[in-house]
């Protein structure tokens, strides 16, 4: 009896603290859902019932962080709009939404919830496998980190997010295949890191005017046109697409004078690496990755020596040349 009473006291104390906890994380692990116990529809119902119960019994306190990660999302079962209405409140700082469904349909994120004081306080926004289609400019004046993965969003809609995001420091875009032209405006003075992973063929242009960007990474299956603002200098620069090596050596040496870490990857080089007349005086780490399935038969691999000759203070060199049959279809 004594042990039972003690356990009950602990349980009630835990319940009181949980109800007032400002950080909410809803996923299969935190909710204790066993994926082998029932089918996908049952998992969706179980997940929904637990989240509904938590939010229904939680007092109206400010939420600091909200995480919803669920790969069995079912629009007919999950009350996700009502979850946002209850949990996305003024003062929220971090929001992570990662959804996937059997139907493959994107959940249309209610951007209007962030068009007020809630948007002003957001510092970290991470959206995956959903649609985000704002029609008005949003004010994310505190946003310092933005991550979008497989999000149905156009370049203009992304501009609505970036328009007032003066505090943005890091941005990552993965497989946002509706973006054709990615523009990083000059007013993003705090932006230091930009990572772009293109899984389709829609992206054509990346224009960067943010003056203090120092870390840039792009990986894609097709060549894109890169445009960097005058005076922009990188410390870390990673570029992976067909023809990346000759493209960088021909057009971007002026932006790499102070680069310390350079990674170049290509599966289709048609032009020999030219002799470089400028030096990478700050370059310490160089990584060259060539998947030579579709290289020109006349390509001279020895021309890569010009990269090494231009790097007198190089400390680390990693070079990989491979013939990958599967690369033909990537």
C-alpha atoms as a PDB file:
ATOM      1  CA  UNK A   1       0.000   0.000   0.000  1.00  0.00           C
ATOM      2  CA  UNK A   2       2.795   2.360   0.920  1.00  0.00           C
ATOM      3  CA  UNK A   3       4.616   1.708  -2.364  1.00  0.00           C
ATOM      4  CA  UNK A   4       1.376   2.149  -4.308  1.00  0.00           C
ATOM      5  CA  UNK A   5       0.670   5.453  -2.590  1.00  0.00           C
ATOM      6  CA  UNK A   6       4.197   6.646  -3.288  1.00  0.00           C
ATOM      7  CA  UNK A   7       3.877   5.646  -6.951  1.00  0.00           C
ATOM      8  CA  UNK A   8       0.556   7.472  -7.198  1.00  0.00           C
ATOM      9  CA  UNK A   9       2.106  10.635  -5.773  1.00  0.00           C
ATOM     10  CA  UNK A  10       4.971  10.427  -8.240  1.00  0.00           C
ATOM     11  CA  UNK A  11       2.511   9.823 -11.086  1.00  0.00           C
ATOM     12  CA  UNK A  12       0.393  12.850 -10.163  1.00  0.00           C
ATOM     13  CA  UNK A  13       3.491  15.022  -9.778  1.00  0.00           C
ATOM     14  CA  UNK A  14       4.775  13.892 -13.175  1.00  0.00           C
ATOM     15  CA  UNK A  15       1.373  14.558 -14.732  1.00  0.00           C
ATOM     16  CA  UNK A  16       1.265  18.083 -13.310  1.00  0.00           C
ATOM     17  CA  UNK A  17       4.762  18.865 -14.583  1.00  0.00           C
ATOM     18  CA  UNK A  18       4.015  17.336 -17.999  1.00  0.00           C
ATOM     19  CA  UNK A  19       0.860  19.397 -18.413  1.00  0.00           C
ATOM     20  CA  UNK A  20       2.815  22.594 -17.857  1.00  0.00           C
ATOM     21  CA  UNK A  21       5.791  21.569 -19.951  1.00  0.00           C
ATOM     22  CA  UNK A  22       6.352  24.082 -22.787  1.00  0.00           C
ATOM     23  CA  UNK A  23       8.107  21.626 -25.131  1.00  0.00           C
ATOM     24  CA  UNK A  24       5.944  19.129 -27.017  1.00  0.00           C
ATOM     25  CA  UNK A  25       7.369  16.249 -29.085  1.00  0.00           C
ATOM     26  CA  UNK A  26       4.884  13.927 -30.767  1.00  0.00           C
ATOM     27  CA  UNK A  27       6.392  10.931 -32.528  1.00  0.00           C
ATOM     28  CA  UNK A  28       6.132   7.157 -32.426  1.00  0.00           C
ATOM     29  CA  UNK A  29       8.722   6.821 -29.677  1.00  0.00           C
ATOM     30  CA  UNK A  30       7.548   9.520 -27.290  1.00  0.00           C
ATOM     31  CA  UNK A  31       3.943   8.309 -27.600  1.00  0.00           C
ATOM     32  CA  UNK A  32       4.935   4.666 -27.126  1.00  0.00           C
ATOM     33  CA  UNK A  33       3.241   3.371 -30.268  1.00  0.00           C
ATOM     34  CA  UNK A  34       4.145  -0.125 -31.466  1.00  0.00           C
ATOM     35  CA  UNK A  35       4.037  -0.250 -35.264  1.00  0.00           C
ATOM     36  CA  UNK A  36       3.699  -4.051 -35.241  1.00  0.00           C
ATOM     37  CA  UNK A  37       0.590  -4.092 -33.078  1.00  0.00           C
ATOM     38  CA  UNK A  38      -1.815  -2.817 -35.743  1.00  0.00           C
ATOM     39  CA  UNK A  39      -2.060  -1.697 -39.359  1.00  0.00           C
ATOM     40  CA  UNK A  40      -1.346   1.763 -40.715  1.00  0.00           C
ATOM     41  CA  UNK A  41      -4.909   2.989 -40.131  1.00  0.00           C
ATOM     42  CA  UNK A  42      -4.766   1.717 -36.577  1.00  0.00           C
ATOM     43  CA  UNK A  43      -1.442   3.453 -36.024  1.00  0.00           C
ATOM     44  CA  UNK A  44      -2.911   6.722 -37.309  1.00  0.00           C
ATOM     45  CA  UNK A  45      -5.924   6.413 -34.995  1.00  0.00           C
ATOM     46  CA  UNK A  46      -3.742   5.534 -32.007  1.00  0.00           C
ATOM     47  CA  UNK A  47      -1.417   8.457 -32.706  1.00  0.00           C
ATOM     48  CA  UNK A  48      -4.362  10.827 -33.132  1.00  0.00           C
ATOM     49  CA  UNK A  49      -6.118   9.706 -29.957  1.00  0.00           C
ATOM     50  CA  UNK A  50      -2.995  10.191 -27.866  1.00  0.00           C
ATOM     51  CA  UNK A  51      -2.212  13.645 -29.235  1.00  0.00           C
ATOM     52  CA  UNK A  52      -5.852  14.707 -28.874  1.00  0.00           C
ATOM     53  CA  UNK A  53      -5.857  13.543 -25.256  1.00  0.00           C
ATOM     54  CA  UNK A  54      -2.622  15.362 -24.437  1.00  0.00           C
ATOM     55  CA  UNK A  55      -3.703  18.662 -25.945  1.00  0.00           C
ATOM     56  CA  UNK A  56      -7.219  18.427 -24.501  1.00  0.00           C
ATOM     57  CA  UNK A  57      -5.900  17.967 -20.961  1.00  0.00           C
ATOM     58  CA  UNK A  58      -3.144  20.538 -21.269  1.00  0.00           C
ATOM     59  CA  UNK A  59      -3.844  24.005 -19.847  1.00  0.00           C
ATOM     60  CA  UNK A  60      -3.523  27.086 -22.018  1.00  0.00           C
ATOM     61  CA  UNK A  61       0.165  27.734 -21.519  1.00  0.00           C
ATOM     62  CA  UNK A  62       2.641  29.054 -24.051  1.00  0.00           C
ATOM     63  CA  UNK A  63       4.357  26.449 -26.207  1.00  0.00           C
ATOM     64  CA  UNK A  64       8.082  26.935 -26.797  1.00  0.00           C
ATOM     65  CA  UNK A  65       8.777  24.004 -29.102  1.00  0.00           C
ATOM     66  CA  UNK A  66       6.435  21.758 -31.081  1.00  0.00           C
ATOM     67  CA  UNK A  67       7.571  18.648 -32.943  1.00  0.00           C
ATOM     68  CA  UNK A  68       5.250  16.392 -34.919  1.00  0.00           C
ATOM     69  CA  UNK A  69       7.007  13.563 -36.748  1.00  0.00           C
ATOM     70  CA  UNK A  70       4.668  10.950 -38.208  1.00  0.00           C
ATOM     71  CA  UNK A  71       5.118   8.824 -41.320  1.00  0.00           C
ATOM     72  CA  UNK A  72       1.651   7.267 -41.191  1.00  0.00           C
ATOM     73  CA  UNK A  73      -0.232  10.531 -41.623  1.00  0.00           C
ATOM     74  CA  UNK A  74      -3.841  10.009 -42.700  1.00  0.00           C
ATOM     75  CA  UNK A  75      -5.856  13.122 -43.521  1.00  0.00           C
ATOM     76  CA  UNK A  76      -9.130  11.313 -42.744  1.00  0.00           C
ATOM     77  CA  UNK A  77      -8.013  10.403 -39.229  1.00  0.00           C
ATOM     78  CA  UNK A  78      -5.457  12.921 -37.980  1.00  0.00           C
ATOM     79  CA  UNK A  79      -6.809  16.188 -36.566  1.00  0.00           C
ATOM     80  CA  UNK A  80      -3.628  18.018 -37.350  1.00  0.00           C
ATOM     81  CA  UNK A  81      -5.221  21.422 -38.000  1.00  0.00           C
ATOM     82  CA  UNK A  82      -6.740  21.411 -34.520  1.00  0.00           C
ATOM     83  CA  UNK A  83      -3.368  20.406 -33.051  1.00  0.00           C
ATOM     84  CA  UNK A  84      -1.771  23.479 -34.554  1.00  0.00           C
ATOM     85  CA  UNK A  85      -4.608  25.680 -33.350  1.00  0.00           C
ATOM     86  CA  UNK A  86      -4.035  24.422 -29.811  1.00  0.00           C
ATOM     87  CA  UNK A  87      -0.242  24.290 -29.720  1.00  0.00           C
ATOM     88  CA  UNK A  88       1.032  27.058 -32.017  1.00  0.00           C
ATOM     89  CA  UNK A  89       0.732  30.053 -29.715  1.00  0.00           C
ATOM     90  CA  UNK A  90       2.449  33.440 -29.456  1.00  0.00           C
ATOM     91  CA  UNK A  91       5.930  32.897 -28.061  1.00  0.00           C
ATOM     92  CA  UNK A  92       6.610  29.606 -29.855  1.00  0.00           C
ATOM     93  CA  UNK A  93      10.282  29.380 -30.838  1.00  0.00           C
ATOM     94  CA  UNK A  94      10.769  26.046 -32.610  1.00  0.00           C
ATOM     95  CA  UNK A  95       8.439  24.223 -34.977  1.00  0.00           C
ATOM     96  CA  UNK A  96       9.211  20.862 -36.600  1.00  0.00           C
ATOM     97  CA  UNK A  97       6.647  19.163 -38.840  1.00  0.00           C
ATOM     98  CA  UNK A  98       7.606  15.971 -40.695  1.00  0.00           C
ATOM     99  CA  UNK A  99       4.737  14.085 -42.290  1.00  0.00           C
ATOM    100  CA  UNK A 100       4.370  11.418 -44.926  1.00  0.00           C
ATOM    101  CA  UNK A 101       1.329   9.504 -46.060  1.00  0.00           C
ATOM    102  CA  UNK A 102       0.525   6.373 -47.999  1.00  0.00           C
ATOM    103  CA  UNK A 103      -1.376   8.418 -50.579  1.00  0.00           C
ATOM    104  CA  UNK A 104       1.636  10.622 -51.231  1.00  0.00           C
ATOM    105  CA  UNK A 105      -0.453  13.767 -50.836  1.00  0.00           C
ATOM    106  CA  UNK A 106       1.132  16.738 -49.135  1.00  0.00           C
ATOM    107  CA  UNK A 107      -0.434  18.183 -46.016  1.00  0.00           C
ATOM    108  CA  UNK A 108      -1.213  21.850 -46.667  1.00  0.00           C
ATOM    109  CA  UNK A 109       0.449  23.635 -43.770  1.00  0.00           C
ATOM    110  CA  UNK A 110      -1.757  26.456 -42.392  1.00  0.00           C
ATOM    111  CA  UNK A 111       0.693  29.303 -42.923  1.00  0.00           C
ATOM    112  CA  UNK A 112      -1.846  31.822 -41.596  1.00  0.00           C
ATOM    113  CA  UNK A 113      -1.092  30.545 -38.070  1.00  0.00           C
ATOM    114  CA  UNK A 114       2.347  32.122 -38.438  1.00  0.00           C
ATOM    115  CA  UNK A 115       1.093  35.399 -39.878  1.00  0.00           C
ATOM    116  CA  UNK A 116       0.715  36.946 -36.426  1.00  0.00           C
ATOM    117  CA  UNK A 117       2.698  37.060 -33.181  1.00  0.00           C
ATOM    118  CA  UNK A 118       3.477  33.348 -33.446  1.00  0.00           C
ATOM    119  CA  UNK A 119       5.557  34.006 -36.553  1.00  0.00           C
ATOM    120  CA  UNK A 120       7.452  36.816 -34.853  1.00  0.00           C
ATOM    121  CA  UNK A 121       8.836  34.496 -32.168  1.00  0.00           C
ATOM    122  CA  UNK A 122       9.811  31.535 -34.380  1.00  0.00           C
ATOM    123  CA  UNK A 123      13.575  30.901 -34.314  1.00  0.00           C
ATOM    124  CA  UNK A 124      13.701  27.462 -35.940  1.00  0.00           C
ATOM    125  CA  UNK A 125      11.311  26.235 -38.641  1.00  0.00           C
ATOM    126  CA  UNK A 126      11.639  22.703 -40.017  1.00  0.00           C
ATOM    127  CA  UNK A 127       9.017  21.462 -42.470  1.00  0.00           C
ATOM    128  CA  UNK A 128       9.157  18.160 -44.354  1.00  0.00           C
ATOM    129  CA  UNK A 129       6.813  16.519 -46.851  1.00  0.00           C
ATOM    130  CA  UNK A 130       4.089  19.132 -46.810  1.00  0.00           C
ATOM    131  CA  UNK A 131       2.876  22.095 -48.839  1.00  0.00           C
ATOM    132  CA  UNK A 132       3.593  25.616 -47.668  1.00  0.00           C
ATOM    133  CA  UNK A 133       1.863  28.190 -49.823  1.00  0.00           C
ATOM    134  CA  UNK A 134       1.744  31.644 -48.231  1.00  0.00           C
ATOM    135  CA  UNK A 135      -0.049  34.324 -50.217  1.00  0.00           C
ATOM    136  CA  UNK A 136       1.192  37.205 -48.080  1.00  0.00           C
ATOM    137  CA  UNK A 137       4.607  38.212 -46.791  1.00  0.00           C
ATOM    138  CA  UNK A 138       5.315  36.698 -43.391  1.00  0.00           C
ATOM    139  CA  UNK A 139       7.223  38.395 -40.597  1.00  0.00           C
ATOM    140  CA  UNK A 140       9.762  35.951 -39.193  1.00  0.00           C
ATOM    141  CA  UNK A 141      11.849  38.603 -37.499  1.00  0.00           C
ATOM    142  CA  UNK A 142      13.413  36.084 -35.061  1.00  0.00           C
ATOM    143  CA  UNK A 143      13.928  33.217 -37.524  1.00  0.00           C
ATOM    144  CA  UNK A 144      17.573  32.127 -37.456  1.00  0.00           C
ATOM    145  CA  UNK A 145      17.335  28.628 -38.959  1.00  0.00           C
ATOM    146  CA  UNK A 146      15.116  27.371 -41.787  1.00  0.00           C
ATOM    147  CA  UNK A 147      14.981  23.788 -43.057  1.00  0.00           C
ATOM    148  CA  UNK A 148      12.603  22.679 -45.807  1.00  0.00           C
ATOM    149  CA  UNK A 149      12.665  19.099 -47.083  1.00  0.00           C
ATOM    150  CA  UNK A 150      10.400  17.836 -49.863  1.00  0.00           C
ATOM    151  CA  UNK A 151       8.147  20.848 -49.397  1.00  0.00           C
ATOM    152  CA  UNK A 152       5.829  21.978 -52.186  1.00  0.00           C
ATOM    153  CA  UNK A 153       6.823  25.631 -52.340  1.00  0.00           C
ATOM    154  CA  UNK A 154       7.710  27.941 -55.232  1.00  0.00           C
ATOM    155  CA  UNK A 155      10.516  30.472 -55.370  1.00  0.00           C
ATOM    156  CA  UNK A 156       8.066  33.351 -54.916  1.00  0.00           C
ATOM    157  CA  UNK A 157       6.452  31.661 -51.911  1.00  0.00           C
ATOM    158  CA  UNK A 158       9.871  31.120 -50.378  1.00  0.00           C
ATOM    159  CA  UNK A 159      10.477  34.818 -50.933  1.00  0.00           C
ATOM    160  CA  UNK A 160       7.453  35.511 -48.716  1.00  0.00           C
ATOM    161  CA  UNK A 161       9.294  33.739 -45.908  1.00  0.00           C
ATOM    162  CA  UNK A 162      12.635  35.422 -46.540  1.00  0.00           C
ATOM    163  CA  UNK A 163      11.214  38.919 -47.014  1.00  0.00           C
ATOM    164  CA  UNK A 164      11.382  39.843 -43.324  1.00  0.00           C
ATOM    165  CA  UNK A 165      13.749  37.150 -42.035  1.00  0.00           C
ATOM    166  CA  UNK A 166      16.560  39.543 -41.191  1.00  0.00           C
ATOM    167  CA  UNK A 167      17.964  37.280 -38.434  1.00  0.00           C
ATOM    168  CA  UNK A 168      18.316  34.186 -40.656  1.00  0.00           C
ATOM    169  CA  UNK A 169      21.710  32.486 -40.228  1.00  0.00           C
ATOM    170  CA  UNK A 170      21.218  28.996 -41.674  1.00  0.00           C
ATOM    171  CA  UNK A 171      19.048  27.710 -44.494  1.00  0.00           C
ATOM    172  CA  UNK A 172      18.728  24.210 -45.912  1.00  0.00           C
ATOM    173  CA  UNK A 173      16.537  23.228 -48.860  1.00  0.00           C
ATOM    174  CA  UNK A 174      16.195  19.568 -49.827  1.00  0.00           C
ATOM    175  CA  UNK A 175      14.153  18.313 -52.764  1.00  0.00           C
ATOM    176  CA  UNK A 176      11.908  21.383 -52.984  1.00  0.00           C
ATOM    177  CA  UNK A 177      11.296  20.633 -56.634  1.00  0.00           C
ATOM    178  CA  UNK A 178       8.849  23.435 -57.419  1.00  0.00           C
ATOM    179  CA  UNK A 179      11.581  26.059 -57.078  1.00  0.00           C
ATOM    180  CA  UNK A 180      12.946  27.127 -60.466  1.00  0.00           C
ATOM    181  CA  UNK A 181      14.909  30.209 -59.442  1.00  0.00           C
ATOM    182  CA  UNK A 182      16.273  30.435 -55.910  1.00  0.00           C
ATOM    183  CA  UNK A 183      16.982  34.017 -54.854  1.00  0.00           C
ATOM    184  CA  UNK A 184      18.845  34.820 -51.646  1.00  0.00           C
ATOM    185  CA  UNK A 185      18.386  38.581 -51.167  1.00  0.00           C
ATOM    186  CA  UNK A 186      20.909  41.129 -49.976  1.00  0.00           C
ATOM    187  CA  UNK A 187      19.028  41.999 -46.781  1.00  0.00           C
ATOM    188  CA  UNK A 188      19.864  38.582 -45.286  1.00  0.00           C
ATOM    189  CA  UNK A 189      22.969  40.071 -43.709  1.00  0.00           C
ATOM    190  CA  UNK A 190      23.229  37.363 -41.021  1.00  0.00           C
ATOM    191  CA  UNK A 191      23.064  34.382 -43.371  1.00  0.00           C
ATOM    192  CA  UNK A 192      26.236  32.284 -43.120  1.00  0.00           C
ATOM    193  CA  UNK A 193      25.179  28.785 -44.235  1.00  0.00           C
ATOM    194  CA  UNK A 194      23.230  27.745 -47.333  1.00  0.00           C
ATOM    195  CA  UNK A 195      22.718  24.083 -48.268  1.00  0.00           C
ATOM    196  CA  UNK A 196      20.699  23.121 -51.344  1.00  0.00           C
ATOM    197  CA  UNK A 197      19.966  19.548 -52.420  1.00  0.00           C
ATOM    198  CA  UNK A 198      18.096  19.293 -55.718  1.00  0.00           C
ATOM    199  CA  UNK A 199      16.419  15.979 -56.422  1.00  0.00           C
ATOM    200  CA  UNK A 200      14.643  16.956 -59.628  1.00  0.00           C
ATOM    201  CA  UNK A 201      15.283  18.942 -62.764  1.00  0.00           C
ATOM    202  CA  UNK A 202      13.283  22.114 -62.123  1.00  0.00           C
ATOM    203  CA  UNK A 203      15.920  24.275 -60.414  1.00  0.00           C
ATOM    204  CA  UNK A 204      17.754  26.353 -62.998  1.00  0.00           C
ATOM    205  CA  UNK A 205      19.273  29.334 -61.189  1.00  0.00           C
ATOM    206  CA  UNK A 206      20.655  30.182 -57.749  1.00  0.00           C
ATOM    207  CA  UNK A 207      21.222  33.888 -57.156  1.00  0.00           C
ATOM    208  CA  UNK A 208      22.973  34.832 -53.923  1.00  0.00           C
ATOM    209  CA  UNK A 209      23.196  38.468 -52.860  1.00  0.00           C
ATOM    210  CA  UNK A 210      23.528  37.866 -49.101  1.00  0.00           C
ATOM    211  CA  UNK A 211      26.896  39.564 -48.471  1.00  0.00           C
ATOM    212  CA  UNK A 212      28.181  37.467 -45.563  1.00  0.00           C
ATOM    213  CA  UNK A 213      27.447  33.946 -46.759  1.00  0.00           C
ATOM    214  CA  UNK A 214      30.577  31.918 -46.012  1.00  0.00           C
ATOM    215  CA  UNK A 215      29.439  28.282 -46.300  1.00  0.00           C
ATOM    216  CA  UNK A 216      27.739  27.078 -49.483  1.00  0.00           C
ATOM    217  CA  UNK A 217      26.773  23.587 -50.570  1.00  0.00           C
ATOM    218  CA  UNK A 218      24.867  22.477 -53.645  1.00  0.00           C
ATOM    219  CA  UNK A 219      24.203  18.916 -54.752  1.00  0.00           C
ATOM    220  CA  UNK A 220      22.137  18.139 -57.830  1.00  0.00           C
ATOM    221  CA  UNK A 221      21.789  15.826 -60.796  1.00  0.00           C
ATOM    222  CA  UNK A 222      21.816  18.678 -63.305  1.00  0.00           C
ATOM    223  CA  UNK A 223      23.898  21.778 -63.793  1.00  0.00           C
ATOM    224  CA  UNK A 224      22.467  25.025 -62.448  1.00  0.00           C
ATOM    225  CA  UNK A 225      23.539  28.589 -63.097  1.00  0.00           C
ATOM    226  CA  UNK A 226      25.143  30.175 -60.040  1.00  0.00           C
ATOM    227  CA  UNK A 227      25.283  33.916 -59.514  1.00  0.00           C
ATOM    228  CA  UNK A 228      27.105  35.366 -56.515  1.00  0.00           C
ATOM    229  CA  UNK A 229      27.163  38.972 -55.363  1.00  0.00           C
ATOM    230  CA  UNK A 230      30.235  41.124 -55.871  1.00  0.00           C
ATOM    231  CA  UNK A 231      32.740  40.683 -53.065  1.00  0.00           C
ATOM    232  CA  UNK A 232      31.207  37.475 -51.720  1.00  0.00           C
ATOM    233  CA  UNK A 233      33.922  35.252 -50.249  1.00  0.00           C
ATOM    234  CA  UNK A 234      33.490  31.649 -49.124  1.00  0.00           C
ATOM    235  CA  UNK A 235      35.357  29.726 -46.458  1.00  0.00           C
ATOM    236  CA  UNK A 236      33.672  26.417 -47.248  1.00  0.00           C
ATOM    237  CA  UNK A 237      32.376  25.629 -50.735  1.00  0.00           C
ATOM    238  CA  UNK A 238      30.871  22.301 -51.860  1.00  0.00           C
ATOM    239  CA  UNK A 239      29.567  21.800 -55.383  1.00  0.00           C
ATOM    240  CA  UNK A 240      28.319  18.549 -56.876  1.00  0.00           C
ATOM    241  CA  UNK A 241      26.765  18.414 -60.343  1.00  0.00           C
ATOM    242  CA  UNK A 242      27.841  17.441 -63.890  1.00  0.00           C
ATOM    243  CA  UNK A 243      30.678  19.686 -65.027  1.00  0.00           C
ATOM    244  CA  UNK A 244      31.204  21.226 -61.589  1.00  0.00           C
ATOM    245  CA  UNK A 245      35.006  21.276 -61.735  1.00  0.00           C
ATOM    246  CA  UNK A 246      35.385  23.100 -65.037  1.00  0.00           C
ATOM    247  CA  UNK A 247      32.485  25.406 -64.096  1.00  0.00           C
ATOM    248  CA  UNK A 248      34.116  26.503 -60.841  1.00  0.00           C
ATOM    249  CA  UNK A 249      37.569  26.936 -62.344  1.00  0.00           C
ATOM    250  CA  UNK A 250      36.197  29.066 -65.168  1.00  0.00           C
ATOM    251  CA  UNK A 251      33.756  31.322 -63.307  1.00  0.00           C
ATOM    252  CA  UNK A 252      34.178  31.414 -59.536  1.00  0.00           C
ATOM    253  CA  UNK A 253      37.830  31.699 -58.617  1.00  0.00           C
ATOM    254  CA  UNK A 254      37.323  35.297 -57.466  1.00  0.00           C
ATOM    255  CA  UNK A 255      34.818  34.107 -54.832  1.00  0.00           C
ATOM    256  CA  UNK A 256      37.170  31.371 -53.606  1.00  0.00           C
ATOM    257  CA  UNK A 257      40.283  33.379 -52.817  1.00  0.00           C
ATOM    258  CA  UNK A 258      39.784  32.830 -49.088  1.00  0.00           C
ATOM    259  CA  UNK A 259      38.262  29.352 -49.241  1.00  0.00           C
ATOM    260  CA  UNK A 260      39.618  26.933 -46.627  1.00  0.00           C
ATOM    261  CA  UNK A 261      37.584  23.822 -47.439  1.00  0.00           C
ATOM    262  CA  UNK A 262      36.712  22.994 -51.074  1.00  0.00           C
ATOM    263  CA  UNK A 263      34.766  19.935 -52.268  1.00  0.00           C
ATOM    264  CA  UNK A 264      33.967  19.359 -55.941  1.00  0.00           C
ATOM    265  CA  UNK A 265      32.051  16.418 -57.370  1.00  0.00           C
ATOM    266  CA  UNK A 266      31.098  15.592 -60.941  1.00  0.00           C
ATOM    267  CA  UNK A 267      29.941  12.693 -63.057  1.00  0.00           C
ATOM    268  CA  UNK A 268      30.347  14.422 -66.407  1.00  0.00           C
ATOM    269  CA  UNK A 269      33.434  16.513 -67.208  1.00  0.00           C
ATOM    270  CA  UNK A 270      33.776  17.392 -70.880  1.00  0.00           C
ATOM    271  CA  UNK A 271      36.428  20.104 -70.558  1.00  0.00           C
ATOM    272  CA  UNK A 272      39.909  19.677 -69.089  1.00  0.00           C
ATOM    273  CA  UNK A 273      40.662  21.587 -65.915  1.00  0.00           C
ATOM    274  CA  UNK A 274      42.401  24.781 -67.076  1.00  0.00           C
ATOM    275  CA  UNK A 275      45.684  26.107 -65.754  1.00  0.00           C
ATOM    276  CA  UNK A 276      44.814  28.356 -62.828  1.00  0.00           C
ATOM    277  CA  UNK A 277      46.599  31.691 -62.735  1.00  0.00           C
ATOM    278  CA  UNK A 278      45.454  32.532 -59.193  1.00  0.00           C
ATOM    279  CA  UNK A 279      46.257  30.663 -56.003  1.00  0.00           C
ATOM    280  CA  UNK A 280      44.125  29.233 -53.213  1.00  0.00           C
ATOM    281  CA  UNK A 281      46.374  30.650 -50.517  1.00  0.00           C
ATOM    282  CA  UNK A 282      43.992  29.735 -47.681  1.00  0.00           C
ATOM    283  CA  UNK A 283      42.886  26.319 -48.920  1.00  0.00           C
ATOM    284  CA  UNK A 284      43.645  23.555 -46.409  1.00  0.00           C
ATOM    285  CA  UNK A 285      41.227  20.777 -47.361  1.00  0.00           C
ATOM    286  CA  UNK A 286      40.440  19.678 -50.929  1.00  0.00           C
ATOM    287  CA  UNK A 287      38.046  16.885 -51.891  1.00  0.00           C
ATOM    288  CA  UNK A 288      37.573  15.869 -55.536  1.00  0.00           C
ATOM    289  CA  UNK A 289      35.020  13.166 -56.352  1.00  0.00           C
ATOM    290  CA  UNK A 290      34.670  12.030 -59.974  1.00  0.00           C
ATOM    291  CA  UNK A 291      32.126   9.408 -61.005  1.00  0.00           C
ATOM    292  CA  UNK A 292      33.434   9.079 -64.516  1.00  0.00           C
ATOM    293  CA  UNK A 293      30.613   7.286 -66.300  1.00  0.00           C
ATOM    294  CA  UNK A 294      29.920   9.948 -68.911  1.00  0.00           C
ATOM    295  CA  UNK A 295      33.250  11.738 -69.151  1.00  0.00           C
ATOM    296  CA  UNK A 296      34.522  12.751 -72.536  1.00  0.00           C
ATOM    297  CA  UNK A 297      36.913  10.070 -73.872  1.00  0.00           C
ATOM    298  CA  UNK A 298      39.434  12.839 -74.457  1.00  0.00           C
ATOM    299  CA  UNK A 299      39.242  14.186 -70.890  1.00  0.00           C
ATOM    300  CA  UNK A 300      42.710  14.520 -69.390  1.00  0.00           C
ATOM    301  CA  UNK A 301      42.646  13.511 -65.738  1.00  0.00           C
ATOM    302  CA  UNK A 302      46.142  14.894 -65.339  1.00  0.00           C
ATOM    303  CA  UNK A 303      44.702  18.366 -65.894  1.00  0.00           C
ATOM    304  CA  UNK A 304      43.449  18.173 -62.302  1.00  0.00           C
ATOM    305  CA  UNK A 305      47.038  18.790 -61.252  1.00  0.00           C
ATOM    306  CA  UNK A 306      46.413  22.481 -61.841  1.00  0.00           C
ATOM    307  CA  UNK A 307      44.084  22.426 -58.817  1.00  0.00           C
ATOM    308  CA  UNK A 308      46.831  20.989 -56.663  1.00  0.00           C
ATOM    309  CA  UNK A 309      49.455  23.406 -57.986  1.00  0.00           C
ATOM    310  CA  UNK A 310      47.182  26.310 -57.083  1.00  0.00           C
ATOM    311  CA  UNK A 311      46.944  25.116 -53.456  1.00  0.00           C
ATOM    312  CA  UNK A 312      50.404  25.629 -51.910  1.00  0.00           C
ATOM    313  CA  UNK A 313      49.240  25.273 -48.295  1.00  0.00           C
ATOM    314  CA  UNK A 314      47.045  22.219 -48.730  1.00  0.00           C
ATOM    315  CA  UNK A 315      46.935  19.940 -45.676  1.00  0.00           C
ATOM    316  CA  UNK A 316      44.358  17.333 -46.714  1.00  0.00           C
ATOM    317  CA  UNK A 317      43.665  15.936 -50.184  1.00  0.00           C
ATOM    318  CA  UNK A 318      40.953  13.362 -50.868  1.00  0.00           C
ATOM    319  CA  UNK A 319      40.519  12.290 -54.481  1.00  0.00           C
ATOM    320  CA  UNK A 320      38.152   9.620 -55.712  1.00  0.00           C
ATOM    321  CA  UNK A 321      37.787   8.577 -59.350  1.00  0.00           C
ATOM    322  CA  UNK A 322      35.332   5.788 -60.049  1.00  0.00           C
ATOM    323  CA  UNK A 323      33.365   4.278 -62.902  1.00  0.00           C
ATOM    324  CA  UNK A 324      29.846   3.724 -61.610  1.00  0.00           C
ATOM    325  CA  UNK A 325      27.497   1.918 -64.050  1.00  0.00           C
ATOM    326  CA  UNK A 326      24.416   3.076 -62.150  1.00  0.00           C
ATOM    327  CA  UNK A 327      25.458   6.715 -62.562  1.00  0.00           C
ATOM    328  CA  UNK A 328      24.101   6.669 -66.122  1.00  0.00           C
ATOM    329  CA  UNK A 329      20.548   6.651 -64.826  1.00  0.00           C
ATOM    330  CA  UNK A 330      20.924   9.022 -61.851  1.00  0.00           C
END
